[in-house]
PDB file of all heavy atoms in Angstrom:
ATOM      1  N   ASP A   1      18.150 -15.941   7.886  1.00  0.00           N
ATOM      2  CA  ASP A   1      17.696 -14.946   7.027  1.00  0.00           C
ATOM      3  C   ASP A   1      18.747 -13.785   7.069  1.00  0.00           C
ATOM      4  O   ASP A   1      19.387 -13.599   8.120  1.00  0.00           O
ATOM      5  CB  ASP A   1      16.290 -14.452   7.220  1.00  0.00           C
ATOM      6  CG  ASP A   1      15.268 -15.559   6.922  1.00  0.00           C
ATOM      7  OD1 ASP A   1      15.466 -16.387   6.085  1.00  0.00           O
ATOM      8  OD2 ASP A   1      14.203 -15.558   7.715  1.00  0.00           O
ATOM      9  N   PRO A   2      18.667 -12.881   6.064  1.00  0.00           N
ATOM     10  CA  PRO A   2      19.593 -11.692   6.100  1.00  0.00           C
ATOM     11  C   PRO A   2      19.157 -10.764   7.327  1.00  0.00           C
ATOM     12  O   PRO A   2      18.060 -10.523   7.492  1.00  0.00           O
ATOM     13  CB  PRO A   2      19.287 -10.948   4.772  1.00  0.00           C
ATOM     14  CG  PRO A   2      18.879 -12.056   3.782  1.00  0.00           C
ATOM     15  CD  PRO A   2      18.097 -13.006   4.666  1.00  0.00           C
ATOM     16  N   ILE A   3      20.330 -10.375   7.976  1.00  0.00           N
ATOM     17  CA  ILE A   3      20.036  -9.502   9.128  1.00  0.00           C
ATOM     18  C   ILE A   3      20.618  -8.166   8.835  1.00  0.00           C
ATOM     19  O   ILE A   3      21.788  -8.078   8.382  1.00  0.00           O
ATOM     20  CB  ILE A   3      20.903 -10.070  10.349  1.00  0.00           C
ATOM     21  CG1 ILE A   3      20.404 -11.478  10.742  1.00  0.00           C
ATOM     22  CG2 ILE A   3      20.774  -9.255  11.518  1.00  0.00           C
ATOM     23  CD1 ILE A   3      21.395 -12.358  11.435  1.00  0.00           C
ATOM     24  N   ALA A   4      19.774  -7.147   8.955  1.00  0.00           N
ATOM     25  CA  ALA A   4      20.369  -5.768   8.558  1.00  0.00           C
ATOM     26  C   ALA A   4      21.254  -5.298   9.737  1.00  0.00           C
ATOM     27  O   ALA A   4      20.916  -5.049  10.845  1.00  0.00           O
ATOM     28  CB  ALA A   4      19.203  -4.889   8.595  1.00  0.00           C
ATOM     29  N   VAL A   5      22.588  -5.219   9.390  1.00  0.00           N
ATOM     30  CA  VAL A   5      23.579  -4.789  10.233  1.00  0.00           C
ATOM     31  C   VAL A   5      23.903  -3.378  10.052  1.00  0.00           C
ATOM     32  O   VAL A   5      24.159  -2.589  11.075  1.00  0.00           O
ATOM     33  CB  VAL A   5      24.967  -5.725  10.077  1.00  0.00           C
ATOM     34  CG1 VAL A   5      26.009  -5.171  10.943  1.00  0.00           C
ATOM     35  CG2 VAL A   5      24.619  -7.132  10.410  1.00  0.00           C
ATOM     36  N   ASP A   6      23.971  -2.839   8.777  1.00  0.00           N
ATOM     37  CA  ASP A   6      24.429  -1.600   8.449  1.00  0.00           C
ATOM     38  C   ASP A   6      23.371  -0.914   7.486  1.00  0.00           C
ATOM     39  O   ASP A   6      23.144  -1.553   6.342  1.00  0.00           O
ATOM     40  CB  ASP A   6      25.836  -1.554   7.720  1.00  0.00           C
ATOM     41  CG  ASP A   6      26.499  -0.184   7.573  1.00  0.00           C
ATOM     42  OD1 ASP A   6      25.731   0.787   7.320  1.00  0.00           O
ATOM     43  OD2 ASP A   6      27.655  -0.149   7.516  1.00  0.00           O
ATOM     44  N   SER A   7      22.789   0.050   7.826  1.00  0.00           N
ATOM     45  CA  SER A   7      21.605   0.611   7.083  1.00  0.00           C
ATOM     46  C   SER A   7      22.111   1.543   5.928  1.00  0.00           C
ATOM     47  O   SER A   7      21.250   1.849   5.085  1.00  0.00           O
ATOM     48  CB  SER A   7      20.630   1.371   7.937  1.00  0.00           C
ATOM     49  OG  SER A   7      21.156   2.428   8.567  1.00  0.00           O
ATOM     50  N   GLN A   8      23.335   1.939   5.986  1.00  0.00           N
ATOM     51  CA  GLN A   8      23.850   3.021   5.024  1.00  0.00           C
ATOM     52  C   GLN A   8      24.921   2.482   4.121  1.00  0.00           C
ATOM     53  O   GLN A   8      25.070   2.983   2.948  1.00  0.00           O
ATOM     54  CB  GLN A   8      24.294   4.280   5.774  1.00  0.00           C
ATOM     55  CG  GLN A   8      23.101   4.954   6.539  1.00  0.00           C
ATOM     56  CD  GLN A   8      23.618   6.222   7.213  1.00  0.00           C
ATOM     57  OE1 GLN A   8      24.863   6.243   7.597  1.00  0.00           O
ATOM     58  NE2 GLN A   8      22.720   7.223   7.339  1.00  0.00           N
ATOM     59  N   ASP A   9      25.780   1.640   4.497  1.00  0.00           N
ATOM     60  CA  ASP A   9      27.101   1.305   3.841  1.00  0.00           C
ATOM     61  C   ASP A   9      27.118  -0.128   3.553  1.00  0.00           C
ATOM     62  O   ASP A   9      26.453  -0.930   4.055  1.00  0.00           O
ATOM     63  CB  ASP A   9      28.261   1.843   4.723  1.00  0.00           C
ATOM     64  CG  ASP A   9      28.305   3.300   4.848  1.00  0.00           C
ATOM     65  OD1 ASP A   9      28.342   4.003   3.893  1.00  0.00           O
ATOM     66  OD2 ASP A   9      28.139   3.800   6.108  1.00  0.00           O
ATOM     67  N   SER A  10      28.109  -0.393   2.652  1.00  0.00           N
ATOM     68  CA  SER A  10      28.352  -1.696   2.209  1.00  0.00           C
ATOM     69  C   SER A  10      29.377  -2.499   3.228  1.00  0.00           C
ATOM     70  O   SER A  10      30.458  -1.814   3.561  1.00  0.00           O
ATOM     71  CB  SER A  10      29.060  -1.781   0.781  1.00  0.00           C
ATOM     72  OG  SER A  10      29.432  -3.104   0.443  1.00  0.00           O
ATOM     73  N   LEU A  11      29.104  -3.640   3.687  1.00  0.00           N
ATOM     74  CA  LEU A  11      29.978  -4.413   4.520  1.00  0.00           C
ATOM     75  C   LEU A  11      31.041  -5.002   3.582  1.00  0.00           C
ATOM     76  O   LEU A  11      30.753  -5.601   2.588  1.00  0.00           O
ATOM     77  CB  LEU A  11      29.274  -5.606   5.200  1.00  0.00           C
ATOM     78  CG  LEU A  11      28.271  -4.960   6.308  1.00  0.00           C
ATOM     79  CD1 LEU A  11      27.449  -6.225   6.805  1.00  0.00           C
ATOM     80  CD2 LEU A  11      28.971  -4.191   7.464  1.00  0.00           C
ATOM     81  N   THR A  12      32.280  -4.766   3.886  1.00  0.00           N
ATOM     82  CA  THR A  12      33.442  -5.014   2.922  1.00  0.00           C
ATOM     83  C   THR A  12      34.164  -6.282   3.341  1.00  0.00           C
ATOM     84  O   THR A  12      34.855  -6.882   2.570  1.00  0.00           O
ATOM     85  CB  THR A  12      34.360  -3.966   2.771  1.00  0.00           C
ATOM     86  OG1 THR A  12      34.794  -3.519   4.129  1.00  0.00           O
ATOM     87  CG2 THR A  12      33.628  -2.835   2.119  1.00  0.00           C
ATOM     88  N   SER A  13      34.204  -6.624   4.721  1.00  0.00           N
ATOM     89  CA  SER A  13      34.976  -7.798   5.286  1.00  0.00           C
ATOM     90  C   SER A  13      34.385  -8.175   6.572  1.00  0.00           C
ATOM     91  O   SER A  13      33.816  -7.475   7.189  1.00  0.00           O
ATOM     92  CB  SER A  13      36.491  -7.387   5.438  1.00  0.00           C
ATOM     93  OG  SER A  13      37.284  -8.261   5.822  1.00  0.00           O
ATOM     94  N   VAL A  14      34.663  -9.455   6.873  1.00  0.00           N
ATOM     95  CA  VAL A  14      34.259 -10.109   8.204  1.00  0.00           C
ATOM     96  C   VAL A  14      35.328 -11.108   8.654  1.00  0.00           C
ATOM     97  O   VAL A  14      35.961 -11.734   7.823  1.00  0.00           O
ATOM     98  CB  VAL A  14      32.811 -10.731   8.043  1.00  0.00           C
ATOM     99  CG1 VAL A  14      32.895 -11.837   7.011  1.00  0.00           C
ATOM    100  CG2 VAL A  14      32.294 -11.197   9.545  1.00  0.00           C
ATOM    101  N   SER A  15      35.446 -11.154   9.881  1.00  0.00           N
ATOM    102  CA  SER A  15      36.474 -12.088  10.559  1.00  0.00           C
ATOM    103  C   SER A  15      35.874 -12.695  11.759  1.00  0.00           C
ATOM    104  O   SER A  15      35.405 -12.030  12.651  1.00  0.00           O
ATOM    105  CB  SER A  15      37.777 -11.405  10.786  1.00  0.00           C
ATOM    106  OG  SER A  15      38.761 -12.369  11.347  1.00  0.00           O
ATOM    107  N   CYS A  16      35.782 -14.119  11.912  1.00  0.00           N
ATOM    108  CA  CYS A  16      35.292 -14.645  12.978  1.00  0.00           C
ATOM    109  C   CYS A  16      36.323 -15.773  13.702  1.00  0.00           C
ATOM    110  O   CYS A  16      36.455 -16.881  13.013  1.00  0.00           O
ATOM    111  CB  CYS A  16      34.052 -15.557  12.588  1.00  0.00           C
ATOM    112  SG  CYS A  16      32.665 -14.609  11.720  1.00  0.00           S
ATOM    113  N   PRO A  17      36.930 -15.305  14.660  1.00  0.00           N
ATOM    114  CA  PRO A  17      37.941 -16.252  15.345  1.00  0.00           C
ATOM    115  C   PRO A  17      37.257 -17.346  16.134  1.00  0.00           C
ATOM    116  O   PRO A  17      37.855 -18.387  16.381  1.00  0.00           O
ATOM    117  CB  PRO A  17      38.752 -15.345  16.111  1.00  0.00           C
ATOM    118  CG  PRO A  17      37.842 -14.196  16.538  1.00  0.00           C
ATOM    119  CD  PRO A  17      37.054 -14.036  15.290  1.00  0.00           C
ATOM    120  N   THR A  18      36.055 -17.119  16.570  1.00  0.00           N
ATOM    121  CA  THR A  18      35.296 -18.165  17.403  1.00  0.00           C
ATOM    122  C   THR A  18      33.843 -18.175  16.991  1.00  0.00           C
ATOM    123  O   THR A  18      33.455 -17.299  16.288  1.00  0.00           O
ATOM    124  CB  THR A  18      35.314 -17.886  18.826  1.00  0.00           C
ATOM    125  OG1 THR A  18      34.466 -16.689  19.203  1.00  0.00           O
ATOM    126  CG2 THR A  18      36.824 -17.539  19.328  1.00  0.00           C
ATOM    127  N   PRO A  19      33.078 -19.212  17.294  1.00  0.00           N
ATOM    128  CA  PRO A  19      31.793 -19.335  16.873  1.00  0.00           C
ATOM    129  C   PRO A  19      30.838 -18.207  17.471  1.00  0.00           C
ATOM    130  O   PRO A  19      29.855 -18.018  16.954  1.00  0.00           O
ATOM    131  CB  PRO A  19      31.326 -20.694  17.465  1.00  0.00           C
ATOM    132  CG  PRO A  19      32.506 -21.494  17.523  1.00  0.00           C
ATOM    133  CD  PRO A  19      33.543 -20.441  17.903  1.00  0.00           C
ATOM    134  N   THR A  20      31.326 -17.546  18.592  1.00  0.00           N
ATOM    135  CA  THR A  20      30.466 -16.500  19.196  1.00  0.00           C
ATOM    136  C   THR A  20      31.015 -15.140  19.152  1.00  0.00           C
ATOM    137  O   THR A  20      30.718 -14.187  19.832  1.00  0.00           O
ATOM    138  CB  THR A  20      30.225 -16.948  20.605  1.00  0.00           C
ATOM    139  OG1 THR A  20      31.431 -17.002  21.308  1.00  0.00           O
ATOM    140  CG2 THR A  20      29.357 -18.121  20.851  1.00  0.00           C
ATOM    141  N   PHE A  21      32.063 -14.951  18.120  1.00  0.00           N
ATOM    142  CA  PHE A  21      32.636 -13.620  18.006  1.00  0.00           C
ATOM    143  C   PHE A  21      33.021 -13.344  16.520  1.00  0.00           C
ATOM    144  O   PHE A  21      33.835 -14.158  15.978  1.00  0.00           O
ATOM    145  CB  PHE A  21      33.871 -13.354  18.885  1.00  0.00           C
ATOM    146  CG  PHE A  21      34.405 -12.035  18.823  1.00  0.00           C
ATOM    147  CD1 PHE A  21      34.110 -11.056  19.665  1.00  0.00           C
ATOM    148  CD2 PHE A  21      35.483 -11.747  17.976  1.00  0.00           C
ATOM    149  CE1 PHE A  21      34.583  -9.800  19.625  1.00  0.00           C
ATOM    150  CE2 PHE A  21      35.984 -10.395  17.869  1.00  0.00           C
ATOM    151  CZ  PHE A  21      35.569  -9.465  18.783  1.00  0.00           C
ATOM    152  N   CYS A  22      32.607 -12.261  16.051  1.00  0.00           N
ATOM    153  CA  CYS A  22      32.835 -11.857  14.695  1.00  0.00           C
ATOM    154  C   CYS A  22      32.942 -10.290  14.654  1.00  0.00           C
ATOM    155  O   CYS A  22      32.184  -9.654  15.344  1.00  0.00           O
ATOM    156  CB  CYS A  22      31.846 -12.269  13.605  1.00  0.00           C
ATOM    157  SG  CYS A  22      31.561 -14.081  13.465  1.00  0.00           S
ATOM    158  N   VAL A  23      33.758  -9.758  13.752  1.00  0.00           N
ATOM    159  CA  VAL A  23      33.774  -8.330  13.438  1.00  0.00           C
ATOM    160  C   VAL A  23      33.674  -8.173  11.936  1.00  0.00           C
ATOM    161  O   VAL A  23      34.385  -8.768  11.149  1.00  0.00           O
ATOM    162  CB  VAL A  23      35.110  -7.778  13.982  1.00  0.00           C
ATOM    163  CG1 VAL A  23      35.225  -6.188  13.453  1.00  0.00           C
ATOM    164  CG2 VAL A  23      35.213  -7.723  15.412  1.00  0.00           C
ATOM    165  N   ALA A  24      32.755  -7.287  11.539  1.00  0.00           N
ATOM    166  CA  ALA A  24      32.604  -6.802  10.179  1.00  0.00           C
ATOM    167  C   ALA A  24      32.890  -5.363  10.084  1.00  0.00           C
ATOM    168  O   ALA A  24      32.701  -4.692  10.917  1.00  0.00           O
ATOM    169  CB  ALA A  24      31.237  -7.155   9.662  1.00  0.00           C
ATOM    170  N   VAL A  25      33.407  -4.914   8.935  1.00  0.00           N
ATOM    171  CA  VAL A  25      33.692  -3.619   8.674  1.00  0.00           C
ATOM    172  C   VAL A  25      33.039  -3.115   7.457  1.00  0.00           C
ATOM    173  O   VAL A  25      32.684  -3.987   6.489  1.00  0.00           O
ATOM    174  CB  VAL A  25      35.247  -3.255   8.576  1.00  0.00           C
ATOM    175  CG1 VAL A  25      35.847  -3.480   9.910  1.00  0.00           C
ATOM    176  CG2 VAL A  25      35.921  -4.125   7.465  1.00  0.00           C
ATOM    177  N   ASP A  26      32.863  -1.789   7.303  1.00  0.00           N
ATOM    178  CA  ASP A  26      32.108  -1.304   6.101  1.00  0.00           C
ATOM    179  C   ASP A  26      32.885  -0.198   5.416  1.00  0.00           C
ATOM    180  O   ASP A  26      33.967   0.206   5.810  1.00  0.00           O
ATOM    181  CB  ASP A  26      30.750  -0.777   6.482  1.00  0.00           C
ATOM    182  CG  ASP A  26      30.679   0.547   7.292  1.00  0.00           C
ATOM    183  OD1 ASP A  26      31.757   1.137   7.448  1.00  0.00           O
ATOM    184  OD2 ASP A  26      29.642   0.853   7.882  1.00  0.00           O
TER     185      ASP A  26
END
């Protein structure tokens, strides 16, 4: 289900090099 990551801003990009590591930016 959707997980609230950022309560104020829009997430604009995400990158996942491995199954257990991702970075998203807003």
